[in-house]
Amino acid sequence: MGISKTEGFTSLQNELAATAKALGHPARIAIIEHLLKVNTCICGDLVGELPLAQPTVSQHLKELKNAGLIKGSIEGTSVCYCIDEAGFAKIKSFFEHVQLTLNQKKNECC
């Protein structure tokens, strides 16, 4: 496998790329949608909502947490997950910048 040359990019570019990668699976989108609906969730609850085994759900949760899109707290023997608003604020800021730039450059592209 080739070496990733991420050091040539800003930390924000690397963070946004990691976030986009974490969002690149339909199960992770479904997890986020479920967390938005219920506001907080235990991993076992998600297994009942998704057509995936518990270890697979746990792996998807790990990816979302590593990307800063969800956070979790331990409650007894379970981990309770919720949306990490700071992660989504970065995404929102990026797309607002893109939209603003596009609005300013209307009809200046091929």
PDB file of N, CA and C in Angstrom:
ATOM      1  N   MET A   1       0.855  -1.178   0.000  1.00  0.00           N
ATOM      2  CA  MET A   1       0.000   0.000   0.000  1.00  0.00           C
ATOM      3  C   MET A   1       0.898   1.237   0.000  1.00  0.00           C
ATOM      4  N   GLY A   2       0.538   2.247  -0.751  1.00  0.00           N
ATOM      5  CA  GLY A   2       1.328   3.461  -0.848  1.00  0.00           C
ATOM      6  C   GLY A   2       1.289   4.283   0.428  1.00  0.00           C
ATOM      7  N   ILE A   3       2.273   5.148   0.560  1.00  0.00           N
ATOM      8  CA  ILE A   3       2.350   6.021   1.721  1.00  0.00           C
ATOM      9  C   ILE A   3       1.485   7.243   1.470  1.00  0.00           C
ATOM     10  N   SER A   4       0.700   7.603   2.451  1.00  0.00           N
ATOM     11  CA  SER A   4      -0.150   8.785   2.350  1.00  0.00           C
ATOM     12  C   SER A   4       0.687  10.019   2.669  1.00  0.00           C
ATOM     13  N   LYS A   5       0.629  11.019   1.848  1.00  0.00           N
ATOM     14  CA  LYS A   5       1.432  12.231   2.046  1.00  0.00           C
ATOM     15  C   LYS A   5       0.586  13.333   2.656  1.00  0.00           C
ATOM     16  N   THR A   6       0.023  13.071   3.821  1.00  0.00           N
ATOM     17  CA  THR A   6      -0.860  14.031   4.467  1.00  0.00           C
ATOM     18  C   THR A   6      -0.113  15.202   5.079  1.00  0.00           C
ATOM     19  N   GLU A   7       1.201  15.052   5.292  1.00  0.00           N
ATOM     20  CA  GLU A   7       1.956  16.143   5.917  1.00  0.00           C
ATOM     21  C   GLU A   7       2.052  17.378   5.022  1.00  0.00           C
ATOM     22  N   GLY A   8       1.761  17.242   3.755  1.00  0.00           N
ATOM     23  CA  GLY A   8       1.800  18.369   2.838  1.00  0.00           C
ATOM     24  C   GLY A   8       0.532  19.219   2.860  1.00  0.00           C
ATOM     25  N   PHE A   9      -0.410  18.854   3.718  1.00  0.00           N
ATOM     26  CA  PHE A   9      -1.683  19.565   3.796  1.00  0.00           C
ATOM     27  C   PHE A   9      -1.869  20.138   5.184  1.00  0.00           C
ATOM     28  N   THR A  10      -2.753  21.124   5.298  1.00  0.00           N
ATOM     29  CA  THR A  10      -2.993  21.745   6.605  1.00  0.00           C
ATOM     30  C   THR A  10      -3.713  20.763   7.532  1.00  0.00           C
ATOM     31  N   SER A  11      -3.658  21.048   8.808  1.00  0.00           N
ATOM     32  CA  SER A  11      -4.345  20.181   9.768  1.00  0.00           C
ATOM     33  C   SER A  11      -5.857  20.204   9.517  1.00  0.00           C
ATOM     34  N   LEU A  12      -6.390  21.364   9.134  1.00  0.00           N
ATOM     35  CA  LEU A  12      -7.817  21.450   8.840  1.00  0.00           C
ATOM     36  C   LEU A  12      -8.178  20.597   7.628  1.00  0.00           C
ATOM     37  N   GLN A  13      -7.357  20.632   6.598  1.00  0.00           N
ATOM     38  CA  GLN A  13      -7.618  19.800   5.414  1.00  0.00           C
ATOM     39  C   GLN A  13      -7.587  18.321   5.778  1.00  0.00           C
ATOM     40  N   ASN A  14      -6.640  17.925   6.606  1.00  0.00           N
ATOM     41  CA  ASN A  14      -6.565  16.525   7.040  1.00  0.00           C
ATOM     42  C   ASN A  14      -7.768  16.146   7.898  1.00  0.00           C
ATOM     43  N   GLU A  15      -8.199  17.042   8.782  1.00  0.00           N
ATOM     44  CA  GLU A  15      -9.371  16.775   9.624  1.00  0.00           C
ATOM     45  C   GLU A  15     -10.630  16.627   8.779  1.00  0.00           C
ATOM     46  N   LEU A  16     -10.818  17.540   7.829  1.00  0.00           N
ATOM     47  CA  LEU A  16     -12.005  17.465   6.979  1.00  0.00           C
ATOM     48  C   LEU A  16     -12.002  16.201   6.125  1.00  0.00           C
ATOM     49  N   ALA A  17     -10.833  15.799   5.648  1.00  0.00           N
ATOM     50  CA  ALA A  17     -10.730  14.573   4.859  1.00  0.00           C
ATOM     51  C   ALA A  17     -11.079  13.351   5.717  1.00  0.00           C
ATOM     52  N   ALA A  18     -10.602  13.330   6.958  1.00  0.00           N
ATOM     53  CA  ALA A  18     -10.923  12.218   7.857  1.00  0.00           C
ATOM     54  C   ALA A  18     -12.414  12.189   8.168  1.00  0.00           C
ATOM     55  N   THR A  19     -13.006  13.360   8.319  1.00  0.00           N
ATOM     56  CA  THR A  19     -14.436  13.448   8.574  1.00  0.00           C
ATOM     57  C   THR A  19     -15.231  12.937   7.374  1.00  0.00           C
ATOM     58  N   ALA A  20     -14.820  13.367   6.179  1.00  0.00           N
ATOM     59  CA  ALA A  20     -15.502  12.918   4.957  1.00  0.00           C
ATOM     60  C   ALA A  20     -15.388  11.403   4.809  1.00  0.00           C
ATOM     61  N   LYS A  21     -14.226  10.868   5.126  1.00  0.00           N
ATOM     62  CA  LYS A  21     -14.031   9.423   5.047  1.00  0.00           C
ATOM     63  C   LYS A  21     -14.945   8.705   6.041  1.00  0.00           C
ATOM     64  N   ALA A  22     -15.074   9.258   7.242  1.00  0.00           N
ATOM     65  CA  ALA A  22     -15.943   8.645   8.256  1.00  0.00           C
ATOM     66  C   ALA A  22     -17.399   8.669   7.820  1.00  0.00           C
ATOM     67  N   LEU A  23     -17.780   9.672   7.064  1.00  0.00           N
ATOM     68  CA  LEU A  23     -19.164   9.778   6.582  1.00  0.00           C
ATOM     69  C   LEU A  23     -19.399   8.958   5.314  1.00  0.00           C
ATOM     70  N   GLY A  24     -18.362   8.314   4.813  1.00  0.00           N
ATOM     71  CA  GLY A  24     -18.436   7.612   3.542  1.00  0.00           C
ATOM     72  C   GLY A  24     -19.025   6.216   3.593  1.00  0.00           C
ATOM     73  N   HIS A  25     -19.804   5.914   4.602  1.00  0.00           N
ATOM     74  CA  HIS A  25     -20.441   4.599   4.672  1.00  0.00           C
ATOM     75  C   HIS A  25     -21.895   4.784   5.091  1.00  0.00           C
ATOM     76  N   PRO A  26     -22.825   4.122   4.416  1.00  0.00           N
ATOM     77  CA  PRO A  26     -24.243   4.315   4.752  1.00  0.00           C
ATOM     78  C   PRO A  26     -24.602   3.930   6.185  1.00  0.00           C
ATOM     79  N   ALA A  27     -23.898   2.972   6.761  1.00  0.00           N
ATOM     80  CA  ALA A  27     -24.186   2.591   8.150  1.00  0.00           C
ATOM     81  C   ALA A  27     -23.875   3.752   9.092  1.00  0.00           C
ATOM     82  N   ARG A  28     -22.830   4.487   8.804  1.00  0.00           N
ATOM     83  CA  ARG A  28     -22.450   5.625   9.662  1.00  0.00           C
ATOM     84  C   ARG A  28     -23.446   6.768   9.510  1.00  0.00           C
ATOM     85  N   ILE A  29     -23.946   6.960   8.306  1.00  0.00           N
ATOM     86  CA  ILE A  29     -24.998   7.963   8.100  1.00  0.00           C
ATOM     87  C   ILE A  29     -26.238   7.554   8.890  1.00  0.00           C
ATOM     88  N   ALA A  30     -26.582   6.264   8.842  1.00  0.00           N
ATOM     89  CA  ALA A  30     -27.743   5.765   9.582  1.00  0.00           C
ATOM     90  C   ALA A  30     -27.549   5.933  11.091  1.00  0.00           C
ATOM     91  N   ILE A  31     -26.345   5.706  11.571  1.00  0.00           N
ATOM     92  CA  ILE A  31     -26.060   5.893  12.997  1.00  0.00           C
ATOM     93  C   ILE A  31     -26.267   7.346  13.392  1.00  0.00           C
ATOM     94  N   ILE A  32     -25.750   8.264  12.593  1.00  0.00           N
ATOM     95  CA  ILE A  32     -25.911   9.692  12.893  1.00  0.00           C
ATOM     96  C   ILE A  32     -27.388  10.068  12.869  1.00  0.00           C
ATOM     97  N   GLU A  33     -28.113   9.592  11.867  1.00  0.00           N
ATOM     98  CA  GLU A  33     -29.547   9.893  11.797  1.00  0.00           C
ATOM     99  C   GLU A  33     -30.284   9.361  13.023  1.00  0.00           C
ATOM    100  N   HIS A  34     -29.913   8.167  13.470  1.00  0.00           N
ATOM    101  CA  HIS A  34     -30.555   7.597  14.656  1.00  0.00           C
ATOM    102  C   HIS A  34     -30.213   8.425  15.902  1.00  0.00           C
ATOM    103  N   LEU A  35     -28.957   8.801  16.038  1.00  0.00           N
ATOM    104  CA  LEU A  35     -28.568   9.609  17.199  1.00  0.00           C
ATOM    105  C   LEU A  35     -29.271  10.961  17.201  1.00  0.00           C
ATOM    106  N   LEU A  36     -29.481  11.535  16.034  1.00  0.00           N
ATOM    107  CA  LEU A  36     -30.221  12.797  15.957  1.00  0.00           C
ATOM    108  C   LEU A  36     -31.669  12.608  16.401  1.00  0.00           C
ATOM    109  N   LYS A  37     -32.232  11.463  16.072  1.00  0.00           N
ATOM    110  CA  LYS A  37     -33.621  11.187  16.404  1.00  0.00           C
ATOM    111  C   LYS A  37     -33.807  10.946  17.904  1.00  0.00           C
ATOM    112  N   VAL A  38     -32.896  10.180  18.513  1.00  0.00           N
ATOM    113  CA  VAL A  38     -33.064   9.801  19.916  1.00  0.00           C
ATOM    114  C   VAL A  38     -32.235  10.652  20.871  1.00  0.00           C
ATOM    115  N   ASN A  39     -31.295  11.442  20.346  1.00  0.00           N
ATOM    116  CA  ASN A  39     -30.433  12.356  21.098  1.00  0.00           C
ATOM    117  C   ASN A  39     -29.324  11.651  21.874  1.00  0.00           C
ATOM    118  N   THR A  40     -29.505  10.449  22.290  1.00  0.00           N
ATOM    119  CA  THR A  40     -28.469   9.677  22.970  1.00  0.00           C
ATOM    120  C   THR A  40     -28.784   8.205  22.768  1.00  0.00           C
ATOM    121  N   CYS A  41     -27.795   7.351  22.819  1.00  0.00           N
ATOM    122  CA  CYS A  41     -28.036   5.964  22.458  1.00  0.00           C
ATOM    123  C   CYS A  41     -26.959   5.064  23.043  1.00  0.00           C
ATOM    124  N   ILE A  42     -27.340   3.848  23.361  1.00  0.00           N
ATOM    125  CA  ILE A  42     -26.384   2.829  23.790  1.00  0.00           C
ATOM    126  C   ILE A  42     -26.165   1.902  22.601  1.00  0.00           C
ATOM    127  N   CYS A  43     -24.960   1.423  22.452  1.00  0.00           N
ATOM    128  CA  CYS A  43     -24.595   0.606  21.287  1.00  0.00           C
ATOM    129  C   CYS A  43     -25.599  -0.510  21.022  1.00  0.00           C
ATOM    130  N   GLY A  44     -26.067  -1.183  22.053  1.00  0.00           N
ATOM    131  CA  GLY A  44     -27.034  -2.264  21.881  1.00  0.00           C
ATOM    132  C   GLY A  44     -28.313  -1.802  21.210  1.00  0.00           C
ATOM    133  N   ASP A  45     -28.719  -0.549  21.477  1.00  0.00           N
ATOM    134  CA  ASP A  45     -29.908   0.001  20.827  1.00  0.00           C
ATOM    135  C   ASP A  45     -29.701   0.108  19.321  1.00  0.00           C
ATOM    136  N   LEU A  46     -28.503   0.482  18.919  1.00  0.00           N
ATOM    137  CA  LEU A  46     -28.202   0.633  17.494  1.00  0.00           C
ATOM    138  C   LEU A  46     -28.232  -0.705  16.767  1.00  0.00           C
ATOM    139  N   VAL A  47     -27.815  -1.762  17.448  1.00  0.00           N
ATOM    140  CA  VAL A  47     -27.812  -3.080  16.819  1.00  0.00           C
ATOM    141  C   VAL A  47     -29.227  -3.461  16.409  1.00  0.00           C
ATOM    142  N   GLY A  48     -30.219  -3.056  17.193  1.00  0.00           N
ATOM    143  CA  GLY A  48     -31.603  -3.328  16.845  1.00  0.00           C
ATOM    144  C   GLY A  48     -32.121  -2.470  15.708  1.00  0.00           C
ATOM    145  N   GLU A  49     -31.458  -1.350  15.447  1.00  0.00           N
ATOM    146  CA  GLU A  49     -31.885  -0.423  14.400  1.00  0.00           C
ATOM    147  C   GLU A  49     -31.213  -0.683  13.053  1.00  0.00           C
ATOM    148  N   LEU A  50     -30.070  -1.323  13.072  1.00  0.00           N
ATOM    149  CA  LEU A  50     -29.292  -1.518  11.847  1.00  0.00           C
ATOM    150  C   LEU A  50     -29.214  -2.996  11.481  1.00  0.00           C
ATOM    151  N   PRO A  51     -29.076  -3.295  10.194  1.00  0.00           N
ATOM    152  CA  PRO A  51     -28.958  -4.692   9.772  1.00  0.00           C
ATOM    153  C   PRO A  51     -27.515  -5.193   9.875  1.00  0.00           C
ATOM    154  N   LEU A  52     -26.884  -4.904  11.018  1.00  0.00           N
ATOM    155  CA  LEU A  52     -25.475  -5.251  11.215  1.00  0.00           C
ATOM    156  C   LEU A  52     -25.280  -5.925  12.563  1.00  0.00           C
ATOM    157  N   ALA A  53     -24.231  -6.730  12.660  1.00  0.00           N
ATOM    158  CA  ALA A  53     -23.883  -7.378  13.921  1.00  0.00           C
ATOM    159  C   ALA A  53     -23.285  -6.360  14.889  1.00  0.00           C
ATOM    160  N   GLN A  54     -23.345  -6.690  16.168  1.00  0.00           N
ATOM    161  CA  GLN A  54     -22.851  -5.780  17.203  1.00  0.00           C
ATOM    162  C   GLN A  54     -21.389  -5.381  17.007  1.00  0.00           C
ATOM    163  N   PRO A  55     -20.476  -6.314  16.679  1.00  0.00           N
ATOM    164  CA  PRO A  55     -19.082  -5.888  16.475  1.00  0.00           C
ATOM    165  C   PRO A  55     -18.925  -4.900  15.306  1.00  0.00           C
ATOM    166  N   THR A  56     -19.732  -5.072  14.274  1.00  0.00           N
ATOM    167  CA  THR A  56     -19.673  -4.162  13.121  1.00  0.00           C
ATOM    168  C   THR A  56     -20.176  -2.785  13.512  1.00  0.00           C
ATOM    169  N   VAL A  57     -21.269  -2.733  14.264  1.00  0.00           N
ATOM    170  CA  VAL A  57     -21.783  -1.447  14.746  1.00  0.00           C
ATOM    171  C   VAL A  57     -20.738  -0.767  15.614  1.00  0.00           C
ATOM    172  N   SER A  58     -20.094  -1.526  16.489  1.00  0.00           N
ATOM    173  CA  SER A  58     -19.051  -0.964  17.355  1.00  0.00           C
ATOM    174  C   SER A  58     -17.906  -0.370  16.538  1.00  0.00           C
ATOM    175  N   GLN A  59     -17.532  -1.039  15.454  1.00  0.00           N
ATOM    176  CA  GLN A  59     -16.453  -0.524  14.596  1.00  0.00           C
ATOM    177  C   GLN A  59     -16.868   0.782  13.926  1.00  0.00           C
ATOM    178  N   HIS A  60     -18.107   0.857  13.461  1.00  0.00           N
ATOM    179  CA  HIS A  60     -18.592   2.097  12.852  1.00  0.00           C
ATOM    180  C   HIS A  60     -18.645   3.226  13.884  1.00  0.00           C
ATOM    181  N   LEU A  61     -19.064   2.911  15.096  1.00  0.00           N
ATOM    182  CA  LEU A  61     -19.082   3.914  16.164  1.00  0.00           C
ATOM    183  C   LEU A  61     -17.670   4.417  16.453  1.00  0.00           C
ATOM    184  N   LYS A  62     -16.717   3.511  16.454  1.00  0.00           N
ATOM    185  CA  LYS A  62     -15.316   3.887  16.691  1.00  0.00           C
ATOM    186  C   LYS A  62     -14.829   4.859  15.621  1.00  0.00           C
ATOM    187  N   GLU A  63     -15.156   4.571  14.363  1.00  0.00           N
ATOM    188  CA  GLU A  63     -14.741   5.450  13.268  1.00  0.00           C
ATOM    189  C   GLU A  63     -15.367   6.836  13.404  1.00  0.00           C
ATOM    190  N   LEU A  64     -16.653   6.883  13.744  1.00  0.00           N
ATOM    191  CA  LEU A  64     -17.323   8.178  13.918  1.00  0.00           C
ATOM    192  C   LEU A  64     -16.745   8.947  15.101  1.00  0.00           C
ATOM    193  N   LYS A  65     -16.413   8.223  16.158  1.00  0.00           N
ATOM    194  CA  LYS A  65     -15.838   8.872  17.345  1.00  0.00           C
ATOM    195  C   LYS A  65     -14.437   9.392  17.037  1.00  0.00           C
ATOM    196  N   ASN A  66     -13.622   8.594  16.351  1.00  0.00           N
ATOM    197  CA  ASN A  66     -12.268   9.025  15.991  1.00  0.00           C
ATOM    198  C   ASN A  66     -12.290  10.256  15.092  1.00  0.00           C
ATOM    199  N   ALA A  67     -13.327  10.393  14.284  1.00  0.00           N
ATOM    200  CA  ALA A  67     -13.456  11.547  13.387  1.00  0.00           C
ATOM    201  C   ALA A  67     -14.040  12.766  14.111  1.00  0.00           C
ATOM    202  N   GLY A  68     -14.424  12.596  15.371  1.00  0.00           N
ATOM    203  CA  GLY A  68     -14.955  13.718  16.136  1.00  0.00           C
ATOM    204  C   GLY A  68     -16.409  14.039  15.844  1.00  0.00           C
ATOM    205  N   LEU A  69     -17.145  13.077  15.288  1.00  0.00           N
ATOM    206  CA  LEU A  69     -18.544  13.326  14.944  1.00  0.00           C
ATOM    207  C   LEU A  69     -19.510  12.874  16.032  1.00  0.00           C
ATOM    208  N   ILE A  70     -19.067  11.930  16.855  1.00  0.00           N
ATOM    209  CA  ILE A  70     -19.864  11.513  18.008  1.00  0.00           C
ATOM    210  C   ILE A  70     -18.957  11.451  19.220  1.00  0.00           C
ATOM    211  N   LYS A  71     -19.567  11.439  20.383  1.00  0.00           N
ATOM    212  CA  LYS A  71     -18.814  11.258  21.618  1.00  0.00           C
ATOM    213  C   LYS A  71     -19.561  10.250  22.469  1.00  0.00           C
ATOM    214  N   GLY A  72     -18.858   9.643  23.401  1.00  0.00           N
ATOM    215  CA  GLY A  72     -19.473   8.624  24.222  1.00  0.00           C
ATOM    216  C   GLY A  72     -19.063   8.747  25.671  1.00  0.00           C
ATOM    217  N   SER A  73     -19.958   8.308  26.531  1.00  0.00           N
ATOM    218  CA  SER A  73     -19.659   8.275  27.958  1.00  0.00           C
ATOM    219  C   SER A  73     -20.033   6.901  28.489  1.00  0.00           C
ATOM    220  N   ILE A  74     -19.248   6.410  29.429  1.00  0.00           N
ATOM    221  CA  ILE A  74     -19.479   5.086  29.977  1.00  0.00           C
ATOM    222  C   ILE A  74     -20.546   5.168  31.055  1.00  0.00           C
ATOM    223  N   GLU A  75     -21.557   4.297  30.925  1.00  0.00           N
ATOM    224  CA  GLU A  75     -22.633   4.197  31.909  1.00  0.00           C
ATOM    225  C   GLU A  75     -22.741   2.734  32.325  1.00  0.00           C
ATOM    226  N   GLY A  76     -22.101   2.405  33.416  1.00  0.00           N
ATOM    227  CA  GLY A  76     -22.061   1.012  33.855  1.00  0.00           C
ATOM    228  C   GLY A  76     -21.232   0.193  32.901  1.00  0.00           C
ATOM    229  N   THR A  77     -21.847  -0.816  32.297  1.00  0.00           N
ATOM    230  CA  THR A  77     -21.122  -1.659  31.343  1.00  0.00           C
ATOM    231  C   THR A  77     -21.382  -1.250  29.897  1.00  0.00           C
ATOM    232  N   SER A  78     -22.112  -0.155  29.698  1.00  0.00           N
ATOM    233  CA  SER A  78     -22.450   0.301  28.348  1.00  0.00           C
ATOM    234  C   SER A  78     -21.824   1.655  28.062  1.00  0.00           C
ATOM    235  N   VAL A  79     -21.713   1.959  26.786  1.00  0.00           N
ATOM    236  CA  VAL A  79     -21.266   3.279  26.364  1.00  0.00           C
ATOM    237  C   VAL A  79     -22.445   3.980  25.711  1.00  0.00           C
ATOM    238  N   CYS A  80     -22.725   5.177  26.174  1.00  0.00           N
ATOM    239  CA  CYS A  80     -23.832   5.969  25.656  1.00  0.00           C
ATOM    240  C   CYS A  80     -23.265   6.993  24.674  1.00  0.00           C
ATOM    241  N   TYR A  81     -23.760   7.001  23.447  1.00  0.00           N
ATOM    242  CA  TYR A  81     -23.247   7.882  22.405  1.00  0.00           C
ATOM    243  C   TYR A  81     -24.202   9.024  22.097  1.00  0.00           C
ATOM    244  N   CYS A  82     -23.637  10.152  21.673  1.00  0.00           N
ATOM    245  CA  CYS A  82     -24.426  11.281  21.186  1.00  0.00           C
ATOM    246  C   CYS A  82     -23.606  12.036  20.149  1.00  0.00           C
ATOM    247  N   ILE A  83     -24.262  12.940  19.446  1.00  0.00           N
ATOM    248  CA  ILE A  83     -23.607  13.754  18.412  1.00  0.00           C
ATOM    249  C   ILE A  83     -22.621  14.709  19.069  1.00  0.00           C
ATOM    250  N   ASP A  84     -21.445  14.848  18.472  1.00  0.00           N
ATOM    251  CA  ASP A  84     -20.460  15.838  18.918  1.00  0.00           C
ATOM    252  C   ASP A  84     -20.625  17.065  18.018  1.00  0.00           C
ATOM    253  N   GLU A  85     -21.261  18.078  18.536  1.00  0.00           N
ATOM    254  CA  GLU A  85     -21.599  19.260  17.736  1.00  0.00           C
ATOM    255  C   GLU A  85     -20.373  19.971  17.178  1.00  0.00           C
ATOM    256  N   ALA A  86     -19.250  19.903  17.869  1.00  0.00           N
ATOM    257  CA  ALA A  86     -18.026  20.577  17.391  1.00  0.00           C
ATOM    258  C   ALA A  86     -17.568  19.987  16.061  1.00  0.00           C
ATOM    259  N   GLY A  87     -17.682  18.684  15.905  1.00  0.00           N
ATOM    260  CA  GLY A  87     -17.286  18.046  14.649  1.00  0.00           C
ATOM    261  C   GLY A  87     -18.145  18.505  13.487  1.00  0.00           C
ATOM    262  N   PHE A  88     -19.437  18.627  13.730  1.00  0.00           N
ATOM    263  CA  PHE A  88     -20.337  19.071  12.669  1.00  0.00           C
ATOM    264  C   PHE A  88     -20.201  20.565  12.415  1.00  0.00           C
ATOM    265  N   ALA A  89     -19.766  21.329  13.405  1.00  0.00           N
ATOM    266  CA  ALA A  89     -19.535  22.758  13.202  1.00  0.00           C
ATOM    267  C   ALA A  89     -18.394  22.983  12.205  1.00  0.00           C
ATOM    268  N   LYS A  90     -17.367  22.131  12.248  1.00  0.00           N
ATOM    269  CA  LYS A  90     -16.253  22.242  11.295  1.00  0.00           C
ATOM    270  C   LYS A  90     -16.731  21.970   9.871  1.00  0.00           C
ATOM    271  N   ILE A  91     -17.568  20.946   9.728  1.00  0.00           N
ATOM    272  CA  ILE A  91     -18.111  20.624   8.401  1.00  0.00           C
ATOM    273  C   ILE A  91     -18.965  21.776   7.895  1.00  0.00           C
ATOM    274  N   LYS A  92     -19.819  22.286   8.754  1.00  0.00           N
ATOM    275  CA  LYS A  92     -20.704  23.394   8.383  1.00  0.00           C
ATOM    276  C   LYS A  92     -19.885  24.606   7.951  1.00  0.00           C
ATOM    277  N   SER A  93     -18.856  24.929   8.713  1.00  0.00           N
ATOM    278  CA  SER A  93     -18.010  26.077   8.386  1.00  0.00           C
ATOM    279  C   SER A  93     -17.355  25.912   7.019  1.00  0.00           C
ATOM    280  N   PHE A  94     -16.861  24.709   6.727  1.00  0.00           N
ATOM    281  CA  PHE A  94     -16.223  24.450   5.437  1.00  0.00           C
ATOM    282  C   PHE A  94     -17.210  24.657   4.290  1.00  0.00           C
ATOM    283  N   PHE A  95     -18.405  24.071   4.410  1.00  0.00           N
ATOM    284  CA  PHE A  95     -19.379  24.190   3.325  1.00  0.00           C
ATOM    285  C   PHE A  95     -19.944  25.605   3.212  1.00  0.00           C
ATOM    286  N   GLU A  96     -20.026  26.324   4.318  1.00  0.00           N
ATOM    287  CA  GLU A  96     -20.435  27.730   4.232  1.00  0.00           C
ATOM    288  C   GLU A  96     -19.390  28.537   3.470  1.00  0.00           C
ATOM    289  N   HIS A  97     -18.104  28.237   3.711  1.00  0.00           N
ATOM    290  CA  HIS A  97     -17.021  28.913   2.983  1.00  0.00           C
ATOM    291  C   HIS A  97     -17.102  28.592   1.489  1.00  0.00           C
ATOM    292  N   VAL A  98     -17.343  27.339   1.162  1.00  0.00           N
ATOM    293  CA  VAL A  98     -17.479  26.935  -0.241  1.00  0.00           C
ATOM    294  C   VAL A  98     -18.641  27.679  -0.890  1.00  0.00           C
ATOM    295  N   GLN A  99     -19.786  27.696  -0.210  1.00  0.00           N
ATOM    296  CA  GLN A  99     -20.973  28.344  -0.762  1.00  0.00           C
ATOM    297  C   GLN A  99     -20.755  29.845  -0.938  1.00  0.00           C
ATOM    298  N   LEU A 100     -20.149  30.485   0.031  1.00  0.00           N
ATOM    299  CA  LEU A 100     -19.876  31.919  -0.059  1.00  0.00           C
ATOM    300  C   LEU A 100     -18.953  32.217  -1.238  1.00  0.00           C
ATOM    301  N   THR A 101     -17.918  31.413  -1.373  1.00  0.00           N
ATOM    302  CA  THR A 101     -16.984  31.604  -2.485  1.00  0.00           C
ATOM    303  C   THR A 101     -17.680  31.399  -3.822  1.00  0.00           C
ATOM    304  N   LEU A 102     -18.517  30.384  -3.917  1.00  0.00           N
ATOM    305  CA  LEU A 102     -19.254  30.141  -5.168  1.00  0.00           C
ATOM    306  C   LEU A 102     -20.203  31.288  -5.478  1.00  0.00           C
ATOM    307  N   ASN A 103     -20.857  31.815  -4.473  1.00  0.00           N
ATOM    308  CA  ASN A 103     -21.779  32.938  -4.682  1.00  0.00           C
ATOM    309  C   ASN A 103     -21.043  34.169  -5.189  1.00  0.00           C
ATOM    310  N   GLN A 104     -19.823  34.378  -4.723  1.00  0.00           N
ATOM    311  CA  GLN A 104     -19.051  35.549  -5.140  1.00  0.00           C
ATOM    312  C   GLN A 104     -18.494  35.378  -6.546  1.00  0.00           C
ATOM    313  N   LYS A 105     -18.318  34.151  -6.992  1.00  0.00           N
ATOM    314  CA  LYS A 105     -17.700  33.893  -8.295  1.00  0.00           C
ATOM    315  C   LYS A 105     -18.695  33.389  -9.330  1.00  0.00           C
ATOM    316  N   LYS A 106     -19.944  33.723  -9.188  1.00  0.00           N
ATOM    317  CA  LYS A 106     -20.947  33.249 -10.148  1.00  0.00           C
ATOM    318  C   LYS A 106     -20.563  33.631 -11.567  1.00  0.00           C
ATOM    319  N   ASN A 107     -20.755  32.710 -12.464  1.00  0.00           N
ATOM    320  CA  ASN A 107     -20.516  32.914 -13.895  1.00  0.00           C
ATOM    321  C   ASN A 107     -19.060  33.227 -14.233  1.00  0.00           C
ATOM    322  N   GLU A 108     -18.131  32.941 -13.357  1.00  0.00           N
ATOM    323  CA  GLU A 108     -16.706  33.168 -13.658  1.00  0.00           C
ATOM    324  C   GLU A 108     -15.996  31.856 -14.019  1.00  0.00           C
ATOM    325  N   CYS A 109     -16.740  30.790 -14.110  1.00  0.00           N
ATOM    326  CA  CYS A 109     -16.133  29.493 -14.387  1.00  0.00           C
ATOM    327  C   CYS A 109     -16.617  28.997 -15.754  1.00  0.00           C
ATOM    328  N   CYS A 110     -15.950  28.009 -16.249  1.00  0.00           N
ATOM    329  CA  CYS A 110     -16.335  27.426 -17.532  1.00  0.00           C
ATOM    330  C   CYS A 110     -17.740  26.911 -17.419  1.00  0.00           C
TER     331      CYS A 110
END
